[in-house]
């Protein structure tokens, strides 16, 4: 289980965003990355970048 951070997306936010993520391509390996966990990192990354700039 992933740790919970204040920057993580809520379930409602994830439901809105998940429709924008492309489906995996056919014929290759199955997707091994949890796309919701990947999206949880983005708000924190943008916040840190904003503080640097």
PDB file of N, CA and C in Angstrom:
ATOM      1  N   UNK A   1       0.838  -1.182   0.000  1.00  0.00           N
ATOM      2  CA  UNK A   1       0.000   0.000   0.000  1.00  0.00           C
ATOM      3  C   UNK A   1       0.888   1.253   0.000  1.00  0.00           C
ATOM      4  N   UNK A   2       0.521   2.223  -0.775  1.00  0.00           N
ATOM      5  CA  UNK A   2       1.283   3.467  -0.848  1.00  0.00           C
ATOM      6  C   UNK A   2       0.939   4.367   0.331  1.00  0.00           C
ATOM      7  N   UNK A   3       1.938   5.104   0.819  1.00  0.00           N
ATOM      8  CA  UNK A   3       1.630   6.044   1.903  1.00  0.00           C
ATOM      9  C   UNK A   3       0.718   7.162   1.406  1.00  0.00           C
ATOM     10  N   UNK A   4      -0.043   7.725   2.301  1.00  0.00           N
ATOM     11  CA  UNK A   4      -0.957   8.801   1.942  1.00  0.00           C
ATOM     12  C   UNK A   4      -0.312  10.148   2.256  1.00  0.00           C
ATOM     13  N   UNK A   5      -0.343  11.040   1.303  1.00  0.00           N
ATOM     14  CA  UNK A   5       0.206  12.375   1.453  1.00  0.00           C
ATOM     15  C   UNK A   5      -0.877  13.397   1.138  1.00  0.00           C
ATOM     16  N   UNK A   6      -0.776  14.602   1.688  1.00  0.00           N
ATOM     17  CA  UNK A   6      -1.786  15.628   1.388  1.00  0.00           C
ATOM     18  C   UNK A   6      -1.867  15.971  -0.102  1.00  0.00           C
ATOM     19  N   UNK A   7      -0.773  15.741  -0.840  1.00  0.00           N
ATOM     20  CA  UNK A   7      -0.755  16.073  -2.265  1.00  0.00           C
ATOM     21  C   UNK A   7      -1.393  14.991  -3.141  1.00  0.00           C
ATOM     22  N   UNK A   8      -1.734  13.837  -2.567  1.00  0.00           N
ATOM     23  CA  UNK A   8      -2.355  12.770  -3.357  1.00  0.00           C
ATOM     24  C   UNK A   8      -3.717  13.210  -3.874  1.00  0.00           C
ATOM     25  N   UNK A   9      -4.058  12.682  -5.031  1.00  0.00           N
ATOM     26  CA  UNK A   9      -5.368  12.971  -5.606  1.00  0.00           C
ATOM     27  C   UNK A   9      -6.456  12.278  -4.793  1.00  0.00           C
ATOM     28  N   UNK A  10      -7.584  12.927  -4.683  1.00  0.00           N
ATOM     29  CA  UNK A  10      -8.734  12.279  -4.064  1.00  0.00           C
ATOM     30  C   UNK A  10      -9.331  11.304  -5.074  1.00  0.00           C
ATOM     31  N   UNK A  11     -10.199  10.433  -4.610  1.00  0.00           N
ATOM     32  CA  UNK A  11     -10.841   9.481  -5.517  1.00  0.00           C
ATOM     33  C   UNK A  11     -11.638  10.216  -6.588  1.00  0.00           C
ATOM     34  N   UNK A  12     -12.299  11.290  -6.208  1.00  0.00           N
ATOM     35  CA  UNK A  12     -13.082  12.069  -7.172  1.00  0.00           C
ATOM     36  C   UNK A  12     -12.158  12.703  -8.222  1.00  0.00           C
ATOM     37  N   UNK A  13     -11.019  13.244  -7.803  1.00  0.00           N
ATOM     38  CA  UNK A  13     -10.067  13.831  -8.756  1.00  0.00           C
ATOM     39  C   UNK A  13      -9.515  12.745  -9.679  1.00  0.00           C
ATOM     40  N   UNK A  14      -9.201  11.563  -9.126  1.00  0.00           N
ATOM     41  CA  UNK A  14      -8.668  10.477  -9.934  1.00  0.00           C
ATOM     42  C   UNK A  14      -9.694  10.019 -10.971  1.00  0.00           C
ATOM     43  N   UNK A  15     -10.958   9.957 -10.605  1.00  0.00           N
ATOM     44  CA  UNK A  15     -11.992   9.546 -11.551  1.00  0.00           C
ATOM     45  C   UNK A  15     -12.072  10.511 -12.729  1.00  0.00           C
ATOM     46  N   UNK A  16     -11.881  11.799 -12.478  1.00  0.00           N
ATOM     47  CA  UNK A  16     -11.879  12.782 -13.563  1.00  0.00           C
ATOM     48  C   UNK A  16     -10.633  12.630 -14.443  1.00  0.00           C
ATOM     49  N   UNK A  17      -9.503  12.418 -13.828  1.00  0.00           N
ATOM     50  CA  UNK A  17      -8.232  12.347 -14.547  1.00  0.00           C
ATOM     51  C   UNK A  17      -8.044  11.026 -15.286  1.00  0.00           C
ATOM     52  N   UNK A  18      -8.546   9.942 -14.723  1.00  0.00           N
ATOM     53  CA  UNK A  18      -8.282   8.622 -15.301  1.00  0.00           C
ATOM     54  C   UNK A  18      -8.793   8.483 -16.733  1.00  0.00           C
ATOM     55  N   UNK A  19      -9.843   9.204 -17.077  1.00  0.00           N
ATOM     56  CA  UNK A  19     -10.359   9.146 -18.441  1.00  0.00           C
ATOM     57  C   UNK A  19      -9.444   9.801 -19.466  1.00  0.00           C
ATOM     58  N   UNK A  20      -8.490  10.592 -19.006  1.00  0.00           N
ATOM     59  CA  UNK A  20      -7.558  11.285 -19.904  1.00  0.00           C
ATOM     60  C   UNK A  20      -6.278  10.493 -20.166  1.00  0.00           C
ATOM     61  N   UNK A  21      -6.048   9.435 -19.395  1.00  0.00           N
ATOM     62  CA  UNK A  21      -4.835   8.625 -19.546  1.00  0.00           C
ATOM     63  C   UNK A  21      -5.082   7.586 -20.625  1.00  0.00           C
ATOM     64  N   UNK A  22      -4.206   7.534 -21.630  1.00  0.00           N
ATOM     65  CA  UNK A  22      -4.412   6.571 -22.715  1.00  0.00           C
ATOM     66  C   UNK A  22      -4.381   5.124 -22.220  1.00  0.00           C
ATOM     67  N   UNK A  23      -5.166   4.281 -22.857  1.00  0.00           N
ATOM     68  CA  UNK A  23      -5.159   2.857 -22.544  1.00  0.00           C
ATOM     69  C   UNK A  23      -3.841   2.248 -23.021  1.00  0.00           C
ATOM     70  N   UNK A  24      -3.377   1.164 -22.394  1.00  0.00           N
ATOM     71  CA  UNK A  24      -2.145   0.522 -22.851  1.00  0.00           C
ATOM     72  C   UNK A  24      -2.315  -0.014 -24.277  1.00  0.00           C
ATOM     73  N   UNK A  25      -1.222  -0.031 -25.012  1.00  0.00           N
ATOM     74  CA  UNK A  25      -1.269  -0.547 -26.377  1.00  0.00           C
ATOM     75  C   UNK A  25      -1.434  -2.057 -26.362  1.00  0.00           C
ATOM     76  N   UNK A  26      -2.069  -2.573 -27.410  1.00  0.00           N
ATOM     77  CA  UNK A  26      -2.269  -4.018 -27.511  1.00  0.00           C
ATOM     78  C   UNK A  26      -1.032  -4.669 -28.107  1.00  0.00           C
ATOM     79  N   UNK A  27      -0.842  -5.936 -27.776  1.00  0.00           N
ATOM     80  CA  UNK A  27       0.242  -6.700 -28.372  1.00  0.00           C
ATOM     81  C   UNK A  27       1.553  -6.650 -27.608  1.00  0.00           C
ATOM     82  N   UNK A  28       1.656  -5.808 -26.627  1.00  0.00           N
ATOM     83  CA  UNK A  28       2.901  -5.721 -25.865  1.00  0.00           C
ATOM     84  C   UNK A  28       2.730  -6.261 -24.455  1.00  0.00           C
ATOM     85  N   UNK A  29       3.702  -5.906 -23.618  1.00  0.00           N
ATOM     86  CA  UNK A  29       3.601  -6.310 -22.211  1.00  0.00           C
ATOM     87  C   UNK A  29       2.466  -5.562 -21.537  1.00  0.00           C
ATOM     88  N   UNK A  30       1.939  -6.173 -20.511  1.00  0.00           N
ATOM     89  CA  UNK A  30       0.896  -5.508 -19.733  1.00  0.00           C
ATOM     90  C   UNK A  30       1.515  -4.357 -18.954  1.00  0.00           C
ATOM     91  N   UNK A  31       0.743  -3.328 -18.703  1.00  0.00           N
ATOM     92  CA  UNK A  31       1.218  -2.168 -17.948  1.00  0.00           C
ATOM     93  C   UNK A  31       1.566  -2.611 -16.531  1.00  0.00           C
ATOM     94  N   UNK A  32       2.785  -2.319 -16.115  1.00  0.00           N
ATOM     95  CA  UNK A  32       3.235  -2.744 -14.786  1.00  0.00           C
ATOM     96  C   UNK A  32       3.235  -1.592 -13.788  1.00  0.00           C
ATOM     97  N   UNK A  33       2.778  -0.430 -14.204  1.00  0.00           N
ATOM     98  CA  UNK A  33       2.791   0.757 -13.361  1.00  0.00           C
ATOM     99  C   UNK A  33       1.366   1.084 -12.934  1.00  0.00           C
ATOM    100  N   UNK A  34       1.205   1.386 -11.664  1.00  0.00           N
ATOM    101  CA  UNK A  34      -0.093   1.830 -11.155  1.00  0.00           C
ATOM    102  C   UNK A  34      -0.248   3.296 -11.544  1.00  0.00           C
ATOM    103  N   UNK A  35      -1.113   3.572 -12.498  1.00  0.00           N
ATOM    104  CA  UNK A  35      -1.241   4.928 -13.024  1.00  0.00           C
ATOM    105  C   UNK A  35      -1.756   5.905 -11.965  1.00  0.00           C
ATOM    106  N   UNK A  36      -2.575   5.450 -11.037  1.00  0.00           N
ATOM    107  CA  UNK A  36      -3.041   6.343  -9.985  1.00  0.00           C
ATOM    108  C   UNK A  36      -1.882   6.726  -9.067  1.00  0.00           C
ATOM    109  N   UNK A  37      -1.017   5.780  -8.748  1.00  0.00           N
ATOM    110  CA  UNK A  37       0.153   6.090  -7.915  1.00  0.00           C
ATOM    111  C   UNK A  37       1.081   7.051  -8.641  1.00  0.00           C
ATOM    112  N   UNK A  38       1.231   6.892  -9.948  1.00  0.00           N
ATOM    113  CA  UNK A  38       2.079   7.807 -10.722  1.00  0.00           C
ATOM    114  C   UNK A  38       1.500   9.215 -10.712  1.00  0.00           C
ATOM    115  N   UNK A  39       0.187   9.320 -10.806  1.00  0.00           N
ATOM    116  CA  UNK A  39      -0.428  10.646 -10.839  1.00  0.00           C
ATOM    117  C   UNK A  39      -0.372  11.335  -9.485  1.00  0.00           C
ATOM    118  N   UNK A  40      -0.260  10.568  -8.405  1.00  0.00           N
ATOM    119  CA  UNK A  40      -0.175  11.165  -7.067  1.00  0.00           C
ATOM    120  C   UNK A  40       1.111  11.958  -6.882  1.00  0.00           C
ATOM    121  N   UNK A  41       2.158  11.617  -7.624  1.00  0.00           N
ATOM    122  CA  UNK A  41       3.433  12.323  -7.488  1.00  0.00           C
ATOM    123  C   UNK A  41       3.427  13.686  -8.176  1.00  0.00           C
ATOM    124  N   UNK A  42       2.583  13.890  -9.148  1.00  0.00           N
ATOM    125  CA  UNK A  42       2.647  15.104  -9.969  1.00  0.00           C
ATOM    126  C   UNK A  42       2.343  16.399  -9.209  1.00  0.00           C
ATOM    127  N   UNK A  43       1.292  16.475  -8.401  1.00  0.00           N
ATOM    128  CA  UNK A  43       1.039  17.754  -7.703  1.00  0.00           C
ATOM    129  C   UNK A  43       2.198  18.154  -6.800  1.00  0.00           C
ATOM    130  N   UNK A  44       2.810  17.193  -6.128  1.00  0.00           N
ATOM    131  CA  UNK A  44       3.944  17.490  -5.254  1.00  0.00           C
ATOM    132  C   UNK A  44       5.133  17.969  -6.077  1.00  0.00           C
ATOM    133  N   UNK A  45       5.375  17.340  -7.214  1.00  0.00           N
ATOM    134  CA  UNK A  45       6.475  17.750  -8.089  1.00  0.00           C
ATOM    135  C   UNK A  45       6.262  19.178  -8.582  1.00  0.00           C
ATOM    136  N   UNK A  46       5.058  19.505  -9.033  1.00  0.00           N
ATOM    137  CA  UNK A  46       4.786  20.857  -9.524  1.00  0.00           C
ATOM    138  C   UNK A  46       4.931  21.891  -8.419  1.00  0.00           C
ATOM    139  N   UNK A  47       4.510  21.535  -7.211  1.00  0.00           N
ATOM    140  CA  UNK A  47       4.635  22.453  -6.078  1.00  0.00           C
ATOM    141  C   UNK A  47       6.104  22.722  -5.765  1.00  0.00           C
ATOM    142  N   UNK A  48       6.917  21.695  -5.788  1.00  0.00           N
ATOM    143  CA  UNK A  48       8.352  21.879  -5.505  1.00  0.00           C
ATOM    144  C   UNK A  48       9.038  22.684  -6.611  1.00  0.00           C
ATOM    145  N   UNK A  49       8.671  22.435  -7.847  1.00  0.00           N
ATOM    146  CA  UNK A  49       9.243  23.202  -8.950  1.00  0.00           C
ATOM    147  C   UNK A  49       8.849  24.677  -8.845  1.00  0.00           C
ATOM    148  N   UNK A  50       7.616  24.914  -8.449  1.00  0.00           N
ATOM    149  CA  UNK A  50       7.133  26.292  -8.306  1.00  0.00           C
ATOM    150  C   UNK A  50       7.930  27.022  -7.210  1.00  0.00           C
ATOM    151  N   UNK A  51       8.296  26.316  -6.163  1.00  0.00           N
ATOM    152  CA  UNK A  51       9.073  26.920  -5.081  1.00  0.00           C
ATOM    153  C   UNK A  51      10.495  27.250  -5.534  1.00  0.00           C
ATOM    154  N   UNK A  52      11.049  26.437  -6.426  1.00  0.00           N
ATOM    155  CA  UNK A  52      12.409  26.653  -6.927  1.00  0.00           C
ATOM    156  C   UNK A  52      12.459  27.872  -7.844  1.00  0.00           C
ATOM    157  N   UNK A  53      11.470  27.986  -8.727  1.00  0.00           N
ATOM    158  CA  UNK A  53      11.435  29.052  -9.715  1.00  0.00           C
ATOM    159  C   UNK A  53      10.871  30.266  -9.102  1.00  0.00           C
TER     160      UNK A  53
END
